[in-house]
Amino acid sequence: MGMPVVHFEITGHDGAQLQSFYSKMFGWKIDANNPMQYGLVAAEEKSIGGGISGYEPGGAPNVTVYIAVDKIDPMLAEIAKNGGSTVMERTVIPGMVIMALFKDPSGNLIGLVENEMPA
């Protein structure tokens, strides 16, 4: 396999309601005990982890998958050459993740995460 999908994210108008829904419907263990109340979905056997949250004001419900890459900036350059567009440049969230967002040629929102964990 090439670069794997390593994370998913589900957002909606009421993050707590979505967290409760997915926990109840699918038995997902979700921990939203953090300042952003971002519900981290634990990865279990044969699954990947993810996140469930509310969206920013002016946002819309969305499902996004995140793909692991060695370096984000060269990948965003290749994406642009092939018809995609950057939505969010390489962003470091200290102690959590280095990420970016792009739209594919059809307008689907996709995330990238660097394999390296930030300090």
PDB file of N, CA and C in Angstrom:
ATOM      1  N   MET A   1       0.844  -1.184   0.000  1.00  0.00           N
ATOM      2  CA  MET A   1       0.000   0.000   0.000  1.00  0.00           C
ATOM      3  C   MET A   1       0.882   1.236   0.000  1.00  0.00           C
ATOM      4  N   GLY A   2       0.396   2.278  -0.615  1.00  0.00           N
ATOM      5  CA  GLY A   2       1.092   3.556  -0.619  1.00  0.00           C
ATOM      6  C   GLY A   2       0.928   4.251   0.719  1.00  0.00           C
ATOM      7  N   MET A   3       0.684   5.526   0.690  1.00  0.00           N
ATOM      8  CA  MET A   3       0.533   6.318   1.907  1.00  0.00           C
ATOM      9  C   MET A   3      -0.828   6.003   2.541  1.00  0.00           C
ATOM     10  N   PRO A   4      -0.847   5.601   3.821  1.00  0.00           N
ATOM     11  CA  PRO A   4      -2.097   5.130   4.428  1.00  0.00           C
ATOM     12  C   PRO A   4      -2.988   6.249   4.963  1.00  0.00           C
ATOM     13  N   VAL A   5      -4.292   5.981   5.005  1.00  0.00           N
ATOM     14  CA  VAL A   5      -5.222   6.823   5.737  1.00  0.00           C
ATOM     15  C   VAL A   5      -5.002   6.500   7.211  1.00  0.00           C
ATOM     16  N   VAL A   6      -4.741   7.528   8.023  1.00  0.00           N
ATOM     17  CA  VAL A   6      -4.378   7.295   9.421  1.00  0.00           C
ATOM     18  C   VAL A   6      -5.327   7.948  10.421  1.00  0.00           C
ATOM     19  N   HIS A   7      -6.282   8.745   9.945  1.00  0.00           N
ATOM     20  CA  HIS A   7      -7.169   9.458  10.856  1.00  0.00           C
ATOM     21  C   HIS A   7      -8.409   9.878  10.084  1.00  0.00           C
ATOM     22  N   PHE A   8      -9.536   9.936  10.760  1.00  0.00           N
ATOM     23  CA  PHE A   8     -10.742  10.488  10.158  1.00  0.00           C
ATOM     24  C   PHE A   8     -11.277  11.560  11.085  1.00  0.00           C
ATOM     25  N   GLU A   9     -12.112  12.429  10.535  1.00  0.00           N
ATOM     26  CA  GLU A   9     -12.709  13.483  11.343  1.00  0.00           C
ATOM     27  C   GLU A   9     -14.146  13.683  10.884  1.00  0.00           C
ATOM     28  N   ILE A  10     -15.043  13.757  11.849  1.00  0.00           N
ATOM     29  CA  ILE A  10     -16.455  14.014  11.580  1.00  0.00           C
ATOM     30  C   ILE A  10     -16.825  15.283  12.335  1.00  0.00           C
ATOM     31  N   THR A  11     -17.332  16.297  11.619  1.00  0.00           N
ATOM     32  CA  THR A  11     -17.721  17.543  12.282  1.00  0.00           C
ATOM     33  C   THR A  11     -19.183  17.857  11.981  1.00  0.00           C
ATOM     34  N   GLY A  12     -19.795  18.566  12.904  1.00  0.00           N
ATOM     35  CA  GLY A  12     -21.184  18.975  12.739  1.00  0.00           C
ATOM     36  C   GLY A  12     -21.488  20.138  13.650  1.00  0.00           C
ATOM     37  N   HIS A  13     -22.735  20.591  13.657  1.00  0.00           N
ATOM     38  CA  HIS A  13     -23.089  21.776  14.433  1.00  0.00           C
ATOM     39  C   HIS A  13     -23.017  21.553  15.935  1.00  0.00           C
ATOM     40  N   ASP A  14     -23.149  20.318  16.412  1.00  0.00           N
ATOM     41  CA  ASP A  14     -23.121  20.019  17.848  1.00  0.00           C
ATOM     42  C   ASP A  14     -22.161  18.856  18.086  1.00  0.00           C
ATOM     43  N   GLY A  15     -20.905  19.195  18.409  1.00  0.00           N
ATOM     44  CA  GLY A  15     -19.882  18.167  18.582  1.00  0.00           C
ATOM     45  C   GLY A  15     -20.229  17.165  19.668  1.00  0.00           C
ATOM     46  N   ALA A  16     -20.741  17.628  20.815  1.00  0.00           N
ATOM     47  CA  ALA A  16     -21.080  16.720  21.920  1.00  0.00           C
ATOM     48  C   ALA A  16     -22.176  15.743  21.494  1.00  0.00           C
ATOM     49  N   GLN A  17     -23.155  16.221  20.743  1.00  0.00           N
ATOM     50  CA  GLN A  17     -24.232  15.348  20.264  1.00  0.00           C
ATOM     51  C   GLN A  17     -23.675  14.282  19.319  1.00  0.00           C
ATOM     52  N   LEU A  18     -22.785  14.685  18.408  1.00  0.00           N
ATOM     53  CA  LEU A  18     -22.175  13.718  17.493  1.00  0.00           C
ATOM     54  C   LEU A  18     -21.340  12.687  18.251  1.00  0.00           C
ATOM     55  N   GLN A  19     -20.578  13.144  19.249  1.00  0.00           N
ATOM     56  CA  GLN A  19     -19.772  12.230  20.044  1.00  0.00           C
ATOM     57  C   GLN A  19     -20.657  11.191  20.716  1.00  0.00           C
ATOM     58  N   SER A  20     -21.751  11.640  21.306  1.00  0.00           N
ATOM     59  CA  SER A  20     -22.688  10.734  21.964  1.00  0.00           C
ATOM     60  C   SER A  20     -23.306   9.758  20.964  1.00  0.00           C
ATOM     61  N   PHE A  21     -23.708  10.263  19.793  1.00  0.00           N
ATOM     62  CA  PHE A  21     -24.315   9.431  18.762  1.00  0.00           C
ATOM     63  C   PHE A  21     -23.384   8.306  18.328  1.00  0.00           C
ATOM     64  N   TYR A  22     -22.147   8.659  17.941  1.00  0.00           N
ATOM     65  CA  TYR A  22     -21.220   7.648  17.429  1.00  0.00           C
ATOM     66  C   TYR A  22     -20.775   6.680  18.524  1.00  0.00           C
ATOM     67  N   SER A  23     -20.663   7.164  19.735  1.00  0.00           N
ATOM     68  CA  SER A  23     -20.329   6.285  20.851  1.00  0.00           C
ATOM     69  C   SER A  23     -21.436   5.261  21.076  1.00  0.00           C
ATOM     70  N   LYS A  24     -22.668   5.745  21.083  1.00  0.00           N
ATOM     71  CA  LYS A  24     -23.821   4.875  21.327  1.00  0.00           C
ATOM     72  C   LYS A  24     -24.060   3.913  20.169  1.00  0.00           C
ATOM     73  N   MET A  25     -23.984   4.411  18.937  1.00  0.00           N
ATOM     74  CA  MET A  25     -24.310   3.578  17.779  1.00  0.00           C
ATOM     75  C   MET A  25     -23.255   2.514  17.486  1.00  0.00           C
ATOM     76  N   PHE A  26     -21.969   2.857  17.673  1.00  0.00           N
ATOM     77  CA  PHE A  26     -20.906   1.960  17.237  1.00  0.00           C
ATOM     78  C   PHE A  26     -19.971   1.512  18.356  1.00  0.00           C
ATOM     79  N   GLY A  27     -20.234   1.949  19.585  1.00  0.00           N
ATOM     80  CA  GLY A  27     -19.398   1.537  20.711  1.00  0.00           C
ATOM     81  C   GLY A  27     -18.021   2.166  20.713  1.00  0.00           C
ATOM     82  N   TRP A  28     -17.846   3.294  20.004  1.00  0.00           N
ATOM     83  CA  TRP A  28     -16.542   3.947  19.946  1.00  0.00           C
ATOM     84  C   TRP A  28     -16.215   4.580  21.288  1.00  0.00           C
ATOM     85  N   LYS A  29     -14.970   4.435  21.715  1.00  0.00           N
ATOM     86  CA  LYS A  29     -14.484   5.096  22.926  1.00  0.00           C
ATOM     87  C   LYS A  29     -14.001   6.487  22.516  1.00  0.00           C
ATOM     88  N   ILE A  30     -14.654   7.523  23.034  1.00  0.00           N
ATOM     89  CA  ILE A  30     -14.369   8.898  22.626  1.00  0.00           C
ATOM     90  C   ILE A  30     -13.991   9.719  23.847  1.00  0.00           C
ATOM     91  N   ASP A  31     -12.837  10.361  23.793  1.00  0.00           N
ATOM     92  CA  ASP A  31     -12.348  11.189  24.895  1.00  0.00           C
ATOM     93  C   ASP A  31     -12.303  12.653  24.453  1.00  0.00           C
ATOM     94  N   ALA A  32     -13.206  13.458  25.011  1.00  0.00           N
ATOM     95  CA  ALA A  32     -13.250  14.885  24.681  1.00  0.00           C
ATOM     96  C   ALA A  32     -12.774  15.728  25.852  1.00  0.00           C
ATOM     97  N   ASN A  33     -11.999  15.129  26.744  1.00  0.00           N
ATOM     98  CA  ASN A  33     -11.495  15.838  27.925  1.00  0.00           C
ATOM     99  C   ASN A  33     -10.246  16.631  27.549  1.00  0.00           C
ATOM    100  N   ASN A  34     -10.448  17.728  26.810  1.00  0.00           N
ATOM    101  CA  ASN A  34      -9.370  18.621  26.406  1.00  0.00           C
ATOM    102  C   ASN A  34      -9.972  20.005  26.208  1.00  0.00           C
ATOM    103  N   PRO A  35      -9.139  21.040  26.173  1.00  0.00           N
ATOM    104  CA  PRO A  35      -9.674  22.403  26.091  1.00  0.00           C
ATOM    105  C   PRO A  35     -10.584  22.674  24.882  1.00  0.00           C
ATOM    106  N   MET A  36     -10.351  21.978  23.773  1.00  0.00           N
ATOM    107  CA  MET A  36     -11.173  22.207  22.579  1.00  0.00           C
ATOM    108  C   MET A  36     -12.393  21.294  22.537  1.00  0.00           C
ATOM    109  N   GLN A  37     -12.515  20.377  23.499  1.00  0.00           N
ATOM    110  CA  GLN A  37     -13.580  19.374  23.532  1.00  0.00           C
ATOM    111  C   GLN A  37     -13.629  18.569  22.223  1.00  0.00           C
ATOM    112  N   TYR A  38     -12.437  18.358  21.661  1.00  0.00           N
ATOM    113  CA  TYR A  38     -12.301  17.562  20.439  1.00  0.00           C
ATOM    114  C   TYR A  38     -12.351  16.100  20.857  1.00  0.00           C
ATOM    115  N   GLY A  39     -13.330  15.383  20.380  1.00  0.00           N
ATOM    116  CA  GLY A  39     -13.502  13.987  20.771  1.00  0.00           C
ATOM    117  C   GLY A  39     -12.558  13.073  20.031  1.00  0.00           C
ATOM    118  N   LEU A  40     -11.538  12.593  20.726  1.00  0.00           N
ATOM    119  CA  LEU A  40     -10.587  11.654  20.120  1.00  0.00           C
ATOM    120  C   LEU A  40     -11.167  10.247  20.189  1.00  0.00           C
ATOM    121  N   VAL A  41     -11.275   9.624  19.019  1.00  0.00           N
ATOM    122  CA  VAL A  41     -11.790   8.267  18.919  1.00  0.00           C
ATOM    123  C   VAL A  41     -10.607   7.320  18.967  1.00  0.00           C
ATOM    124  N   ALA A  42     -10.624   6.424  19.933  1.00  0.00           N
ATOM    125  CA  ALA A  42      -9.515   5.487  20.106  1.00  0.00           C
ATOM    126  C   ALA A  42      -9.445   4.496  18.948  1.00  0.00           C
ATOM    127  N   ALA A  43      -8.237   4.279  18.449  1.00  0.00           N
ATOM    128  CA  ALA A  43      -8.015   3.244  17.436  1.00  0.00           C
ATOM    129  C   ALA A  43      -8.025   1.894  18.140  1.00  0.00           C
ATOM    130  N   GLU A  44      -8.713   0.960  17.561  1.00  0.00           N
ATOM    131  CA  GLU A  44      -8.755  -0.389  18.110  1.00  0.00           C
ATOM    132  C   GLU A  44      -8.344  -1.367  17.022  1.00  0.00           C
ATOM    133  N   GLU A  45      -8.348  -2.633  17.337  1.00  0.00           N
ATOM    134  CA  GLU A  45      -7.932  -3.647  16.371  1.00  0.00           C
ATOM    135  C   GLU A  45      -8.699  -3.486  15.062  1.00  0.00           C
ATOM    136  N   LYS A  46      -7.986  -3.496  13.966  1.00  0.00           N
ATOM    137  CA  LYS A  46      -8.526  -3.370  12.620  1.00  0.00           C
ATOM    138  C   LYS A  46      -9.204  -2.021  12.366  1.00  0.00           C
ATOM    139  N   SER A  47      -8.788  -0.979  13.071  1.00  0.00           N
ATOM    140  CA  SER A  47      -9.380   0.337  12.830  1.00  0.00           C
ATOM    141  C   SER A  47      -8.334   1.425  12.987  1.00  0.00           C
ATOM    142  N   ILE A  48      -8.695   2.611  12.545  1.00  0.00           N
ATOM    143  CA  ILE A  48      -7.861   3.785  12.756  1.00  0.00           C
ATOM    144  C   ILE A  48      -8.569   4.693  13.751  1.00  0.00           C
ATOM    145  N   GLY A  49      -7.811   5.565  14.382  1.00  0.00           N
ATOM    146  CA  GLY A  49      -8.401   6.538  15.277  1.00  0.00           C
ATOM    147  C   GLY A  49      -8.969   7.706  14.490  1.00  0.00           C
ATOM    148  N   GLY A  50      -9.707   8.544  15.206  1.00  0.00           N
ATOM    149  CA  GLY A  50     -10.301   9.688  14.545  1.00  0.00           C
ATOM    150  C   GLY A  50     -10.677  10.764  15.531  1.00  0.00           C
ATOM    151  N   GLY A  51     -11.473  11.690  15.068  1.00  0.00           N
ATOM    152  CA  GLY A  51     -11.930  12.784  15.903  1.00  0.00           C
ATOM    153  C   GLY A  51     -13.334  13.199  15.527  1.00  0.00           C
ATOM    154  N   ILE A  52     -14.094  13.631  16.535  1.00  0.00           N
ATOM    155  CA  ILE A  52     -15.459  14.104  16.318  1.00  0.00           C
ATOM    156  C   ILE A  52     -15.613  15.412  17.060  1.00  0.00           C
ATOM    157  N   SER A  53     -16.087  16.449  16.346  1.00  0.00           N
ATOM    158  CA  SER A  53     -16.190  17.754  16.984  1.00  0.00           C
ATOM    159  C   SER A  53     -17.232  18.617  16.306  1.00  0.00           C
ATOM    160  N   GLY A  54     -17.493  19.763  16.940  1.00  0.00           N
ATOM    161  CA  GLY A  54     -18.282  20.797  16.301  1.00  0.00           C
ATOM    162  C   GLY A  54     -17.395  21.518  15.303  1.00  0.00           C
ATOM    163  N   TYR A  55     -18.005  22.246  14.398  1.00  0.00           N
ATOM    164  CA  TYR A  55     -17.209  22.985  13.421  1.00  0.00           C
ATOM    165  C   TYR A  55     -17.167  24.458  13.792  1.00  0.00           C
ATOM    166  N   GLU A  56     -16.236  25.150  13.169  1.00  0.00           N
ATOM    167  CA  GLU A  56     -16.050  26.581  13.405  1.00  0.00           C
ATOM    168  C   GLU A  56     -17.263  27.354  12.895  1.00  0.00           C
ATOM    169  N   PRO A  57     -17.553  28.514  13.492  1.00  0.00           N
ATOM    170  CA  PRO A  57     -18.650  29.337  12.976  1.00  0.00           C
ATOM    171  C   PRO A  57     -18.492  29.575  11.476  1.00  0.00           C
ATOM    172  N   GLY A  58     -19.576  29.427  10.749  1.00  0.00           N
ATOM    173  CA  GLY A  58     -19.539  29.587   9.299  1.00  0.00           C
ATOM    174  C   GLY A  58     -19.172  28.309   8.579  1.00  0.00           C
ATOM    175  N   GLY A  59     -18.835  27.258   9.327  1.00  0.00           N
ATOM    176  CA  GLY A  59     -18.463  25.983   8.729  1.00  0.00           C
ATOM    177  C   GLY A  59     -19.682  25.166   8.342  1.00  0.00           C
ATOM    178  N   ALA A  60     -19.439  23.948   7.936  1.00  0.00           N
ATOM    179  CA  ALA A  60     -20.510  23.042   7.534  1.00  0.00           C
ATOM    180  C   ALA A  60     -20.146  21.627   7.972  1.00  0.00           C
ATOM    181  N   PRO A  61     -21.137  20.753   8.140  1.00  0.00           N
ATOM    182  CA  PRO A  61     -20.836  19.361   8.460  1.00  0.00           C
ATOM    183  C   PRO A  61     -19.895  18.772   7.417  1.00  0.00           C
ATOM    184  N   ASN A  62     -19.004  17.902   7.880  1.00  0.00           N
ATOM    185  CA  ASN A  62     -17.992  17.390   6.966  1.00  0.00           C
ATOM    186  C   ASN A  62     -17.407  16.088   7.500  1.00  0.00           C
ATOM    187  N   VAL A  63     -16.977  15.241   6.605  1.00  0.00           N
ATOM    188  CA  VAL A  63     -16.189  14.057   6.946  1.00  0.00           C
ATOM    189  C   VAL A  63     -14.889  14.167   6.162  1.00  0.00           C
ATOM    190  N   THR A  64     -13.762  14.056   6.864  1.00  0.00           N
ATOM    191  CA  THR A  64     -12.451  14.204   6.235  1.00  0.00           C
ATOM    192  C   THR A  64     -11.582  13.015   6.622  1.00  0.00           C
ATOM    193  N   VAL A  65     -10.827  12.499   5.669  1.00  0.00           N
ATOM    194  CA  VAL A  65      -9.814  11.486   5.974  1.00  0.00           C
ATOM    195  C   VAL A  65      -8.452  12.160   5.903  1.00  0.00           C
ATOM    196  N   TYR A  66      -7.503  11.647   6.677  1.00  0.00           N
ATOM    197  CA  TYR A  66      -6.151  12.200   6.741  1.00  0.00           C
ATOM    198  C   TYR A  66      -5.157  11.136   6.295  1.00  0.00           C
ATOM    199  N   ILE A  67      -4.250  11.530   5.425  1.00  0.00           N
ATOM    200  CA  ILE A  67      -3.267  10.624   4.844  1.00  0.00           C
ATOM    201  C   ILE A  67      -1.886  10.982   5.385  1.00  0.00           C
ATOM    202  N   ALA A  68      -1.129   9.971   5.812  1.00  0.00           N
ATOM    203  CA  ALA A  68       0.223  10.186   6.336  1.00  0.00           C
ATOM    204  C   ALA A  68       1.208  10.339   5.189  1.00  0.00           C
ATOM    205  N   VAL A  69       2.048  11.391   5.284  1.00  0.00           N
ATOM    206  CA  VAL A  69       3.093  11.647   4.301  1.00  0.00           C
ATOM    207  C   VAL A  69       4.383  11.988   5.039  1.00  0.00           C
ATOM    208  N   ASP A  70       5.513  11.831   4.355  1.00  0.00           N
ATOM    209  CA  ASP A  70       6.788  12.181   4.984  1.00  0.00           C
ATOM    210  C   ASP A  70       6.919  13.687   5.179  1.00  0.00           C
ATOM    211  N   LYS A  71       6.616  14.457   4.144  1.00  0.00           N
ATOM    212  CA  LYS A  71       6.734  15.919   4.184  1.00  0.00           C
ATOM    213  C   LYS A  71       5.518  16.539   3.498  1.00  0.00           C
ATOM    214  N   ILE A  72       4.862  17.449   4.178  1.00  0.00           N
ATOM    215  CA  ILE A  72       3.636  18.052   3.661  1.00  0.00           C
ATOM    216  C   ILE A  72       3.889  19.025   2.514  1.00  0.00           C
ATOM    217  N   ASP A  73       4.855  19.936   2.659  1.00  0.00           N
ATOM    218  CA  ASP A  73       5.026  20.986   1.656  1.00  0.00           C
ATOM    219  C   ASP A  73       5.280  20.459   0.243  1.00  0.00           C
ATOM    220  N   PRO A  74       6.168  19.482   0.050  1.00  0.00           N
ATOM    221  CA  PRO A  74       6.334  18.955  -1.313  1.00  0.00           C
ATOM    222  C   PRO A  74       5.070  18.260  -1.829  1.00  0.00           C
ATOM    223  N   MET A  75       4.320  17.634  -0.918  1.00  0.00           N
ATOM    224  CA  MET A  75       3.085  16.970  -1.339  1.00  0.00           C
ATOM    225  C   MET A  75       2.048  18.003  -1.782  1.00  0.00           C
ATOM    226  N   LEU A  76       1.928  19.127  -1.059  1.00  0.00           N
ATOM    227  CA  LEU A  76       0.990  20.173  -1.472  1.00  0.00           C
ATOM    228  C   LEU A  76       1.370  20.750  -2.837  1.00  0.00           C
ATOM    229  N   ALA A  77       2.667  20.858  -3.106  1.00  0.00           N
ATOM    230  CA  ALA A  77       3.123  21.340  -4.413  1.00  0.00           C
ATOM    231  C   ALA A  77       2.698  20.371  -5.520  1.00  0.00           C
ATOM    232  N   GLU A  78       2.848  19.086  -5.286  1.00  0.00           N
ATOM    233  CA  GLU A  78       2.437  18.074  -6.273  1.00  0.00           C
ATOM    234  C   GLU A  78       0.927  18.075  -6.455  1.00  0.00           C
ATOM    235  N   ILE A  79       0.207  18.228  -5.359  1.00  0.00           N
ATOM    236  CA  ILE A  79      -1.261  18.280  -5.427  1.00  0.00           C
ATOM    237  C   ILE A  79      -1.693  19.444  -6.314  1.00  0.00           C
ATOM    238  N   ALA A  80      -1.078  20.614  -6.129  1.00  0.00           N
ATOM    239  CA  ALA A  80      -1.415  21.788  -6.947  1.00  0.00           C
ATOM    240  C   ALA A  80      -1.121  21.539  -8.422  1.00  0.00           C
ATOM    241  N   LYS A  81      -0.001  20.873  -8.721  1.00  0.00           N
ATOM    242  CA  LYS A  81       0.364  20.577 -10.114  1.00  0.00           C
ATOM    243  C   LYS A  81      -0.632  19.630 -10.771  1.00  0.00           C
ATOM    244  N   ASN A  82      -1.346  18.860  -9.943  1.00  0.00           N
ATOM    245  CA  ASN A  82      -2.243  17.844 -10.477  1.00  0.00           C
ATOM    246  C   ASN A  82      -3.717  18.186 -10.307  1.00  0.00           C
ATOM    247  N   GLY A  83      -4.024  19.458 -10.097  1.00  0.00           N
ATOM    248  CA  GLY A  83      -5.418  19.902 -10.093  1.00  0.00           C
ATOM    249  C   GLY A  83      -6.055  20.102  -8.737  1.00  0.00           C
ATOM    250  N   GLY A  84      -5.315  19.855  -7.660  1.00  0.00           N
ATOM    251  CA  GLY A  84      -5.845  20.097  -6.321  1.00  0.00           C
ATOM    252  C   GLY A  84      -5.501  21.498  -5.854  1.00  0.00           C
ATOM    253  N   SER A  85      -6.004  21.861  -4.665  1.00  0.00           N
ATOM    254  CA  SER A  85      -5.701  23.192  -4.130  1.00  0.00           C
ATOM    255  C   SER A  85      -5.559  23.133  -2.612  1.00  0.00           C
ATOM    256  N   THR A  86      -4.632  23.915  -2.087  1.00  0.00           N
ATOM    257  CA  THR A  86      -4.395  23.964  -0.651  1.00  0.00           C
ATOM    258  C   THR A  86      -5.493  24.779   0.020  1.00  0.00           C
ATOM    259  N   VAL A  87      -6.040  24.221   1.095  1.00  0.00           N
ATOM    260  CA  VAL A  87      -7.050  24.902   1.899  1.00  0.00           C
ATOM    261  C   VAL A  87      -6.411  25.443   3.172  1.00  0.00           C
ATOM    262  N   MET A  88      -5.530  24.651   3.778  1.00  0.00           N
ATOM    263  CA  MET A  88      -4.803  25.059   4.981  1.00  0.00           C
ATOM    264  C   MET A  88      -3.351  24.633   4.818  1.00  0.00           C
ATOM    265  N   GLU A  89      -2.437  25.584   4.872  1.00  0.00           N
ATOM    266  CA  GLU A  89      -1.007  25.299   4.760  1.00  0.00           C
ATOM    267  C   GLU A  89      -0.548  24.409   5.915  1.00  0.00           C
ATOM    268  N   ARG A  90       0.657  23.909   5.821  1.00  0.00           N
ATOM    269  CA  ARG A  90       1.268  23.094   6.881  1.00  0.00           C
ATOM    270  C   ARG A  90       1.133  23.837   8.213  1.00  0.00           C
ATOM    271  N   THR A  91       0.544  23.172   9.186  1.00  0.00           N
ATOM    272  CA  THR A  91       0.258  23.752  10.492  1.00  0.00           C
ATOM    273  C   THR A  91       0.738  22.803  11.577  1.00  0.00           C
ATOM    274  N   VAL A  92       1.458  23.341  12.551  1.00  0.00           N
ATOM    275  CA  VAL A  92       1.948  22.530  13.672  1.00  0.00           C
ATOM    276  C   VAL A  92       1.037  22.772  14.864  1.00  0.00           C
ATOM    277  N   ILE A  93       0.484  21.702  15.409  1.00  0.00           N
ATOM    278  CA  ILE A  93      -0.247  21.756  16.675  1.00  0.00           C
ATOM    279  C   ILE A  93       0.669  21.070  17.683  1.00  0.00           C
ATOM    280  N   PRO A  94       1.368  21.868  18.518  1.00  0.00           N
ATOM    281  CA  PRO A  94       2.406  21.322  19.405  1.00  0.00           C
ATOM    282  C   PRO A  94       1.940  20.119  20.225  1.00  0.00           C
ATOM    283  N   GLY A  95       2.787  19.100  20.224  1.00  0.00           N
ATOM    284  CA  GLY A  95       2.510  17.894  20.987  1.00  0.00           C
ATOM    285  C   GLY A  95       1.437  16.998  20.407  1.00  0.00           C
ATOM    286  N   MET A  96       0.845  17.395  19.272  1.00  0.00           N
ATOM    287  CA  MET A  96      -0.242  16.591  18.706  1.00  0.00           C
ATOM    288  C   MET A  96       0.012  16.150  17.270  1.00  0.00           C
ATOM    289  N   VAL A  97       0.135  17.126  16.350  1.00  0.00           N
ATOM    290  CA  VAL A  97       0.171  16.751  14.938  1.00  0.00           C
ATOM    291  C   VAL A  97       0.720  17.910  14.091  1.00  0.00           C
ATOM    292  N   ILE A  98       1.289  17.547  12.949  1.00  0.00           N
ATOM    293  CA  ILE A  98       1.631  18.500  11.894  1.00  0.00           C
ATOM    294  C   ILE A  98       0.701  18.156  10.739  1.00  0.00           C
ATOM    295  N   MET A  99      -0.109  19.131  10.310  1.00  0.00           N
ATOM    296  CA  MET A  99      -1.164  18.810   9.354  1.00  0.00           C
ATOM    297  C   MET A  99      -1.360  19.905   8.310  1.00  0.00           C
ATOM    298  N   ALA A 100      -2.127  19.568   7.273  1.00  0.00           N
ATOM    299  CA  ALA A 100      -2.558  20.510   6.239  1.00  0.00           C
ATOM    300  C   ALA A 100      -3.859  19.967   5.657  1.00  0.00           C
ATOM    301  N   LEU A 101      -4.574  20.811   4.927  1.00  0.00           N
ATOM    302  CA  LEU A 101      -5.800  20.390   4.249  1.00  0.00           C
ATOM    303  C   LEU A 101      -5.742  20.825   2.794  1.00  0.00           C
ATOM    304  N   PHE A 102      -6.294  19.998   1.911  1.00  0.00           N
ATOM    305  CA  PHE A 102      -6.388  20.352   0.508  1.00  0.00           C
ATOM    306  C   PHE A 102      -7.710  19.871  -0.057  1.00  0.00           C
ATOM    307  N   LYS A 103      -8.072  20.417  -1.209  1.00  0.00           N
ATOM    308  CA  LYS A 103      -9.224  19.920  -1.953  1.00  0.00           C
ATOM    309  C   LYS A 103      -8.708  19.219  -3.195  1.00  0.00           C
ATOM    310  N   ASP A 104      -9.296  18.055  -3.479  1.00  0.00           N
ATOM    311  CA  ASP A 104      -8.941  17.336  -4.691  1.00  0.00           C
ATOM    312  C   ASP A 104      -9.637  18.002  -5.879  1.00  0.00           C
ATOM    313  N   PRO A 105      -9.389  17.541  -7.117  1.00  0.00           N
ATOM    314  CA  PRO A 105      -9.995  18.197  -8.274  1.00  0.00           C
ATOM    315  C   PRO A 105     -11.530  18.222  -8.259  1.00  0.00           C
ATOM    316  N   SER A 106     -12.170  17.324  -7.493  1.00  0.00           N
ATOM    317  CA  SER A 106     -13.633  17.320  -7.404  1.00  0.00           C
ATOM    318  C   SER A 106     -14.150  18.151  -6.239  1.00  0.00           C
ATOM    319  N   GLY A 107     -13.251  18.711  -5.433  1.00  0.00           N
ATOM    320  CA  GLY A 107     -13.661  19.543  -4.311  1.00  0.00           C
ATOM    321  C   GLY A 107     -13.758  18.827  -2.976  1.00  0.00           C
ATOM    322  N   ASN A 108     -13.367  17.560  -2.909  1.00  0.00           N
ATOM    323  CA  ASN A 108     -13.374  16.838  -1.638  1.00  0.00           C
ATOM    324  C   ASN A 108     -12.265  17.359  -0.742  1.00  0.00           C
ATOM    325  N   LEU A 109     -12.574  17.560   0.534  1.00  0.00           N
ATOM    326  CA  LEU A 109     -11.595  18.024   1.506  1.00  0.00           C
ATOM    327  C   LEU A 109     -10.836  16.818   2.061  1.00  0.00           C
ATOM    328  N   ILE A 110      -9.510  16.858   1.975  1.00  0.00           N
ATOM    329  CA  ILE A 110      -8.648  15.767   2.433  1.00  0.00           C
ATOM    330  C   ILE A 110      -7.552  16.363   3.308  1.00  0.00           C
ATOM    331  N   GLY A 111      -7.171  15.634   4.356  1.00  0.00           N
ATOM    332  CA  GLY A 111      -6.108  16.094   5.230  1.00  0.00           C
ATOM    333  C   GLY A 111      -4.814  15.339   4.995  1.00  0.00           C
ATOM    334  N   LEU A 112      -3.715  15.997   5.323  1.00  0.00           N
ATOM    335  CA  LEU A 112      -2.388  15.380   5.323  1.00  0.00           C
ATOM    336  C   LEU A 112      -1.815  15.513   6.716  1.00  0.00           C
ATOM    337  N   VAL A 113      -1.113  14.492   7.178  1.00  0.00           N
ATOM    338  CA  VAL A 113      -0.372  14.572   8.435  1.00  0.00           C
ATOM    339  C   VAL A 113       1.040  14.082   8.174  1.00  0.00           C
ATOM    340  N   GLU A 114       2.011  14.787   8.769  1.00  0.00           N
ATOM    341  CA  GLU A 114       3.399  14.335   8.646  1.00  0.00           C
ATOM    342  C   GLU A 114       3.623  13.180   9.598  1.00  0.00           C
ATOM    343  N   ASN A 115       4.448  12.246   9.164  1.00  0.00           N
ATOM    344  CA  ASN A 115       4.756  11.079   9.983  1.00  0.00           C
ATOM    345  C   ASN A 115       5.451  11.464  11.288  1.00  0.00           C
ATOM    346  N   GLU A 116       6.135  12.601  11.293  1.00  0.00           N
ATOM    347  CA  GLU A 116       6.880  13.047  12.470  1.00  0.00           C
ATOM    348  C   GLU A 116       5.958  13.757  13.455  1.00  0.00           C
ATOM    349  N   MET A 117       6.043  13.393  14.738  1.00  0.00           N
ATOM    350  CA  MET A 117       5.256  14.034  15.789  1.00  0.00           C
ATOM    351  C   MET A 117       5.959  15.311  16.212  1.00  0.00           C
ATOM    352  N   PRO A 118       5.210  16.439  16.307  1.00  0.00           N
ATOM    353  CA  PRO A 118       5.855  17.685  16.738  1.00  0.00           C
ATOM    354  C   PRO A 118       6.197  17.681  18.216  1.00  0.00           C
ATOM    355  N   ALA A 119       7.178  18.507  18.596  1.00  0.00           N
ATOM    356  CA  ALA A 119       7.568  18.616  20.007  1.00  0.00           C
ATOM    357  C   ALA A 119       6.481  19.327  20.792  1.00  0.00           C
TER     358      ALA A 119
END
